[in-house]
Amino acid sequence: MRLTVTGRRSHLTRTVYVYLPPQYFQPAYRAYRFPAIELIHGQPGVPQAWINVLEVTHDFDRLLAARRAQPAVLVMPDANGGLAISLQCLNQVGGPQDLTYLAVDLPGEIARQLRVAPPGRAWGVAGYSEGGFCAANMALRYPHRYGFAGVLSGYFAPLDNQLAGSGVPVSPFGGDDRLREQNTPFDELLNLPRTTVIPRFWLGAGSADRQVVADTERFWQELRPRQPDAPLMLNPGTGHSVKTWRALDSPMLSWATPRLAHAAQQAAVRPVKTATVADRRRVAG
């Protein structure tokens, strides 16, 4: 399903692709608000890459059929607003408020439009490459809005942004070191109060991607006091590539979706809309 979603706070308008599992239209699930996972692409990249290149919907269908995953709605937004743009899911000082759009506006709009749990423990975020940084940062900046974060070949300290119409990389933070620290997962994880409940992390990379493996292992070690059983999967012999991310997406979904489904089932029940003819038409479109 292809939607156009405008953010109420960020005032950004982006294309969003949504996968609804078969159970969404089954009578047994008519009162169920499904868990959701935002899937963030890399850069350069487009949200359709999750479908056409990584084949995540095909893999998820197979996992569901084999009962190796629980049904969830997959939300695949345009994270940057253009191929030549790199915003890293950050709020650019004096520019696009990308973090607000992706972590605040989009989950709220999807929960209003579809039969999806509200932002919280039944929502996840995952991404590869730049999208992996996004997933780590979004989860730590908004720990109350997510219950899961999947980082595939991600990094854990922000780079410069590439804005629309500009050939010069710029700091997302306008020289504000405090803002940089607040959006650096290495620092965020150490600075968050120990009483803060953070989303469950799943980490993965290609074993030949040496710098990414080193950074991922460092983050994993920082994570261990809070989550000693956090998974770290290194795919043998592959690097920073589609081959790695295709190998990792299925085990990530198999691990995450039962936990998200449990959170969805435990969430407070509120009035929901059933699957309608309009839903079906939007899926067909």
Protein backbone atom coordinates (compact mmCIF):
# COMPACT_ATOMS: atom_id res chain seq x y z
CA MET A 1 0.00 0.00 0.00
CA ARG A 2 1.38 3.42 -1.00
CA LEU A 3 0.42 6.40 1.15
CA THR A 4 1.30 10.08 1.25
CA VAL A 5 1.69 11.19 4.85
CA THR A 6 2.04 14.78 6.04
CA GLY A 7 3.49 15.38 9.48
CA ARG A 8 1.43 17.55 11.80
CA ARG A 9 4.49 18.80 13.71
CA SER A 10 7.28 18.58 11.13
CA HIS A 11 5.13 19.76 8.19
CA LEU A 12 7.02 17.31 5.97
CA THR A 13 5.15 15.30 3.34
CA ARG A 14 6.62 11.96 2.29
CA THR A 15 5.72 8.79 0.45
CA VAL A 16 5.28 5.78 2.73
CA TYR A 17 4.88 2.13 1.70
CA VAL A 18 2.93 -0.11 4.07
CA TYR A 19 2.72 -3.90 4.14
CA LEU A 20 -0.40 -5.37 5.77
CA PRO A 21 -0.11 -9.05 6.70
CA PRO A 22 -2.85 -11.47 5.56
CA GLN A 23 -4.19 -11.61 9.11
CA TYR A 24 -5.17 -7.93 8.89
CA PHE A 25 -8.23 -8.99 6.86
CA GLN A 26 -9.10 -12.16 8.75
CA PRO A 27 -12.19 -12.14 11.03
CA ALA A 28 -10.23 -13.53 13.97
CA TYR A 29 -8.14 -10.35 14.01
CA ARG A 30 -10.92 -7.81 13.49
CA ALA A 31 -10.46 -6.31 16.98
CA TYR A 32 -6.68 -6.59 17.04
CA ARG A 33 -4.37 -3.61 16.77
CA PHE A 34 -1.26 -4.95 15.06
CA PRO A 35 2.30 -4.22 16.09
CA ALA A 36 4.31 -2.22 13.57
CA ILE A 37 7.92 -1.89 12.47
CA GLU A 38 9.30 1.15 10.69
CA LEU A 39 11.91 0.02 8.17
CA ILE A 40 14.43 2.75 7.29
CA HIS A 41 16.42 2.49 4.06
CA GLY A 42 20.04 3.49 3.50
CA GLN A 43 21.48 6.37 1.48
CA PRO A 44 21.34 6.66 -1.44
CA GLY A 45 18.13 4.71 -1.35
CA VAL A 46 14.36 4.65 -1.55
CA PRO A 47 11.76 2.88 0.60
CA GLN A 48 10.90 0.53 -2.26
CA ALA A 49 14.37 -1.02 -1.86
CA TRP A 50 13.03 -2.95 1.13
CA ILE A 51 10.47 -4.55 -1.22
CA ASN A 52 12.24 -4.77 -4.59
CA VAL A 53 15.85 -5.36 -3.49
CA LEU A 54 15.82 -6.81 0.00
CA GLU A 55 12.51 -8.61 -0.70
CA VAL A 56 11.44 -8.15 2.90
CA THR A 57 7.72 -8.64 2.21
CA HIS A 58 8.40 -11.92 0.38
CA ASP A 59 10.61 -13.10 3.24
CA PHE A 60 8.05 -12.03 5.83
CA ASP A 61 5.24 -13.87 3.99
CA ARG A 62 7.39 -17.00 4.08
CA LEU A 63 8.11 -16.59 7.81
CA LEU A 64 4.42 -16.08 8.59
CA ALA A 65 3.41 -19.12 6.56
CA ALA A 66 5.98 -21.22 8.44
CA ARG A 67 4.87 -19.70 11.78
CA ARG A 68 8.39 -18.45 12.39
CA ALA A 69 7.16 -14.88 12.92
CA GLN A 70 4.08 -13.11 14.21
CA PRO A 71 1.98 -10.79 12.03
CA ALA A 72 2.98 -7.15 12.03
CA VAL A 73 2.52 -4.11 9.82
CA LEU A 74 5.69 -2.99 8.05
CA VAL A 75 5.99 0.78 7.50
CA MET A 76 8.59 1.86 4.92
CA PRO A 77 8.93 5.66 4.70
CA ASP A 78 10.98 7.85 2.40
CA ALA A 79 13.49 8.79 5.08
CA ASN A 80 15.31 11.58 3.23
CA GLY A 81 12.96 13.13 0.69
CA GLY A 82 15.24 12.50 -2.31
CA LEU A 83 18.08 10.31 -3.59
CA ALA A 84 20.75 13.01 -3.29
CA ILE A 85 19.66 14.01 0.23
CA SER A 86 21.02 12.58 3.47
CA LEU A 87 19.26 13.68 6.66
CA GLN A 88 20.12 10.66 8.84
CA CYS A 89 16.67 10.89 10.47
CA LEU A 90 17.84 13.98 12.36
CA ASN A 91 16.29 17.38 13.00
CA GLN A 92 18.45 19.70 10.93
CA VAL A 93 19.07 23.01 12.70
CA GLY A 94 17.34 25.56 10.49
CA GLY A 95 16.13 22.83 8.13
CA PRO A 96 13.93 19.73 7.77
CA GLN A 97 12.74 18.19 11.01
CA ASP A 98 13.29 14.62 9.87
CA LEU A 99 13.49 13.01 13.32
CA THR A 100 10.20 14.58 14.34
CA TYR A 101 8.55 13.33 11.16
CA LEU A 102 9.79 9.74 11.45
CA ALA A 103 9.58 9.19 15.21
CA VAL A 104 6.57 11.35 16.15
CA ASP A 105 4.41 12.26 13.16
CA LEU A 106 4.53 9.06 11.13
CA PRO A 107 3.75 6.48 13.86
CA GLY A 108 0.87 8.63 15.06
CA GLU A 109 -0.60 9.00 11.58
CA ILE A 110 -0.29 5.28 10.80
CA ALA A 111 -1.99 4.41 14.10
CA ARG A 112 -4.82 6.82 13.23
CA GLN A 113 -5.30 5.55 9.67
CA LEU A 114 -4.87 1.80 10.19
CA ARG A 115 -5.63 -0.82 12.81
CA VAL A 116 -2.19 -0.54 14.36
CA ALA A 117 -1.11 -0.22 17.98
CA PRO A 118 -0.26 3.29 19.12
CA PRO A 119 3.43 4.21 19.44
CA GLY A 120 4.93 2.38 22.38
CA ARG A 121 6.20 -1.09 23.23
CA ALA A 122 4.39 -2.64 20.23
CA TRP A 123 6.28 -0.43 17.74
CA GLY A 124 9.72 -1.19 16.38
CA VAL A 125 12.22 0.54 14.13
CA ALA A 126 14.91 -1.11 12.04
CA GLY A 127 17.24 -0.05 9.27
CA TYR A 128 20.34 -0.83 7.28
CA SER A 129 23.45 1.34 6.79
CA GLU A 130 22.32 4.96 7.35
CA GLY A 131 18.95 3.49 8.31
CA GLY A 132 20.73 1.46 10.98
CA PHE A 133 22.02 4.67 12.55
CA CYS A 134 18.47 6.01 12.31
CA ALA A 135 17.06 3.00 14.13
CA ALA A 136 19.57 3.23 16.98
CA ASN A 137 19.16 6.98 17.41
CA MET A 138 15.37 7.05 17.07
CA ALA A 139 14.99 4.26 19.64
CA LEU A 140 17.22 6.00 22.19
CA ARG A 141 15.82 9.48 21.60
CA TYR A 142 12.24 8.18 21.96
CA PRO A 143 12.48 5.06 24.15
CA HIS A 144 8.82 5.40 25.22
CA ARG A 145 7.64 5.22 21.58
CA TYR A 146 9.45 2.00 20.59
CA GLY A 147 9.84 -1.49 22.01
CA PHE A 148 12.40 -2.79 19.52
CA ALA A 149 15.32 -1.52 17.43
CA GLY A 150 17.12 -3.49 14.70
CA VAL A 151 20.48 -2.18 13.50
CA LEU A 152 21.84 -3.80 10.32
CA SER A 153 25.34 -2.59 9.37
CA GLY A 154 24.63 0.69 11.12
CA TYR A 155 26.90 3.29 12.65
CA PHE A 156 26.60 4.94 16.03
CA ALA A 157 27.90 8.50 15.63
CA PRO A 158 26.30 11.00 13.20
CA LEU A 159 27.98 12.26 10.04
CA ASP A 160 27.29 15.51 8.20
CA ASN A 161 24.02 15.89 6.32
CA GLN A 162 23.54 16.51 2.61
CA LEU A 163 20.65 18.92 2.09
CA ALA A 164 18.51 19.39 -1.02
CA GLY A 165 20.15 21.65 -3.61
CA SER A 166 23.43 21.83 -1.72
CA GLY A 167 26.74 20.31 -2.74
CA VAL A 168 28.37 20.97 0.63
CA PRO A 169 27.87 18.61 3.60
CA VAL A 170 26.62 20.49 6.67
CA SER A 171 26.46 19.74 10.37
CA PRO A 172 22.95 18.71 11.41
CA PHE A 173 23.46 20.49 14.71
CA GLY A 174 24.62 23.99 13.75
CA GLY A 175 27.79 23.58 15.79
CA ASP A 176 25.90 22.67 18.98
CA ASP A 177 27.98 19.98 20.71
CA ARG A 178 25.15 19.22 23.15
CA LEU A 179 22.79 18.38 20.28
CA ARG A 180 25.46 16.18 18.71
CA GLU A 181 25.94 14.25 21.94
CA GLN A 182 22.17 13.81 22.29
CA ASN A 183 22.08 12.20 18.82
CA THR A 184 25.15 9.97 19.16
CA PRO A 185 24.03 6.47 20.20
CA PHE A 186 27.44 5.68 21.72
CA ASP A 187 26.94 8.63 24.09
CA GLU A 188 23.17 8.37 24.47
CA LEU A 189 23.35 4.82 25.77
CA LEU A 190 25.84 5.77 28.48
CA ASN A 191 24.08 9.02 29.43
CA LEU A 192 20.52 7.72 29.75
CA PRO A 193 19.49 7.13 33.38
CA ARG A 194 19.77 3.48 34.38
CA THR A 195 16.06 3.59 35.26
CA THR A 196 15.11 4.39 31.65
CA VAL A 197 13.61 1.35 29.92
CA ILE A 198 15.05 1.28 26.42
CA PRO A 199 13.82 -0.72 23.43
CA ARG A 200 15.17 -4.23 22.91
CA PHE A 201 18.06 -4.17 20.43
CA TRP A 202 18.94 -6.67 17.71
CA LEU A 203 22.31 -6.03 16.03
CA GLY A 204 23.76 -7.46 12.83
CA ALA A 205 26.48 -6.88 10.24
CA GLY A 206 28.56 -8.65 7.61
CA SER A 207 31.67 -10.20 9.15
CA ALA A 208 33.92 -8.72 6.42
CA ASP A 209 32.69 -5.15 7.14
CA ARG A 210 35.49 -4.53 9.63
CA GLN A 211 34.83 -0.97 10.80
CA VAL A 212 31.10 -1.58 11.09
CA VAL A 213 31.74 -4.80 13.03
CA ALA A 214 34.08 -2.97 15.40
CA ASP A 215 31.53 -0.19 15.98
CA THR A 216 28.67 -2.65 16.40
CA GLU A 217 30.63 -4.72 18.91
CA ARG A 218 31.49 -1.56 20.87
CA PHE A 219 27.81 -0.58 21.03
CA TRP A 220 26.91 -4.17 21.95
CA GLN A 221 29.34 -4.05 24.86
CA GLU A 222 27.87 -0.73 26.05
CA LEU A 223 24.41 -2.31 25.78
CA ARG A 224 25.22 -5.43 27.79
CA PRO A 225 24.68 -3.96 31.31
CA ARG A 226 21.08 -3.17 30.28
CA GLN A 227 20.48 -6.08 27.90
CA PRO A 228 22.98 -8.90 28.52
CA ASP A 229 21.17 -11.18 26.08
CA ALA A 230 20.94 -8.69 23.17
CA PRO A 231 21.54 -10.63 19.92
CA LEU A 232 24.53 -9.82 17.71
CA MET A 233 24.60 -11.68 14.39
CA LEU A 234 27.59 -11.48 12.03
CA ASN A 235 26.85 -12.90 8.59
CA PRO A 236 29.88 -14.93 7.47
CA GLY A 237 32.05 -13.52 4.68
CA THR A 238 29.85 -10.61 3.57
CA GLY A 239 30.41 -6.87 3.77
CA HIS A 240 28.37 -3.69 3.54
CA SER A 241 25.96 -5.08 0.97
CA VAL A 242 22.45 -6.15 0.07
CA LYS A 243 23.58 -9.75 0.48
CA THR A 244 24.23 -9.07 4.16
CA TRP A 245 20.95 -7.27 4.78
CA ARG A 246 18.92 -9.95 2.98
CA ALA A 247 20.57 -12.58 5.17
CA LEU A 248 19.79 -10.63 8.33
CA ASP A 249 16.22 -9.42 7.83
CA SER A 250 14.55 -12.82 8.37
CA PRO A 251 16.26 -13.69 11.68
CA MET A 252 15.63 -10.14 12.86
CA LEU A 253 11.89 -10.40 12.10
CA SER A 254 11.69 -13.87 13.64
CA TRP A 255 13.21 -12.52 16.86
CA ALA A 256 11.36 -9.20 17.02
CA THR A 257 7.79 -9.91 15.96
CA PRO A 258 6.83 -12.33 18.77
CA ARG A 259 8.01 -9.76 21.31
CA LEU A 260 6.13 -6.95 19.58
CA ALA A 261 3.01 -9.14 19.33
CA HIS A 262 3.17 -9.82 23.07
CA ALA A 263 3.35 -6.08 23.70
CA ALA A 264 0.40 -5.47 21.36
CA GLN A 265 -1.68 -8.08 23.17
CA GLN A 266 -0.85 -6.49 26.51
CA ALA A 267 -1.68 -2.96 25.35
CA ALA A 268 -4.80 -1.32 26.68
CA VAL A 269 -7.83 -2.11 24.53
CA ARG A 270 -9.51 0.85 22.87
CA PRO A 271 -12.13 1.19 20.10
CA VAL A 272 -10.71 0.19 16.73
CA LYS A 273 -11.89 0.22 13.16
CA THR A 274 -12.24 -3.05 11.32
CA ALA A 275 -10.75 -3.89 7.95
CA THR A 276 -12.90 -2.04 5.46
CA VAL A 277 -13.47 -2.10 1.75
CA ALA A 278 -11.47 1.13 1.61
CA ASP A 279 -8.53 -0.68 3.26
CA ARG A 280 -8.70 -3.39 0.63
CA ARG A 281 -8.87 -0.90 -2.21
CA ARG A 282 -5.82 0.93 -0.89
CA VAL A 283 -3.92 -2.37 -0.67
CA ALA A 284 -4.88 -3.15 -4.27
CA GLY A 285 -3.73 0.32 -5.33
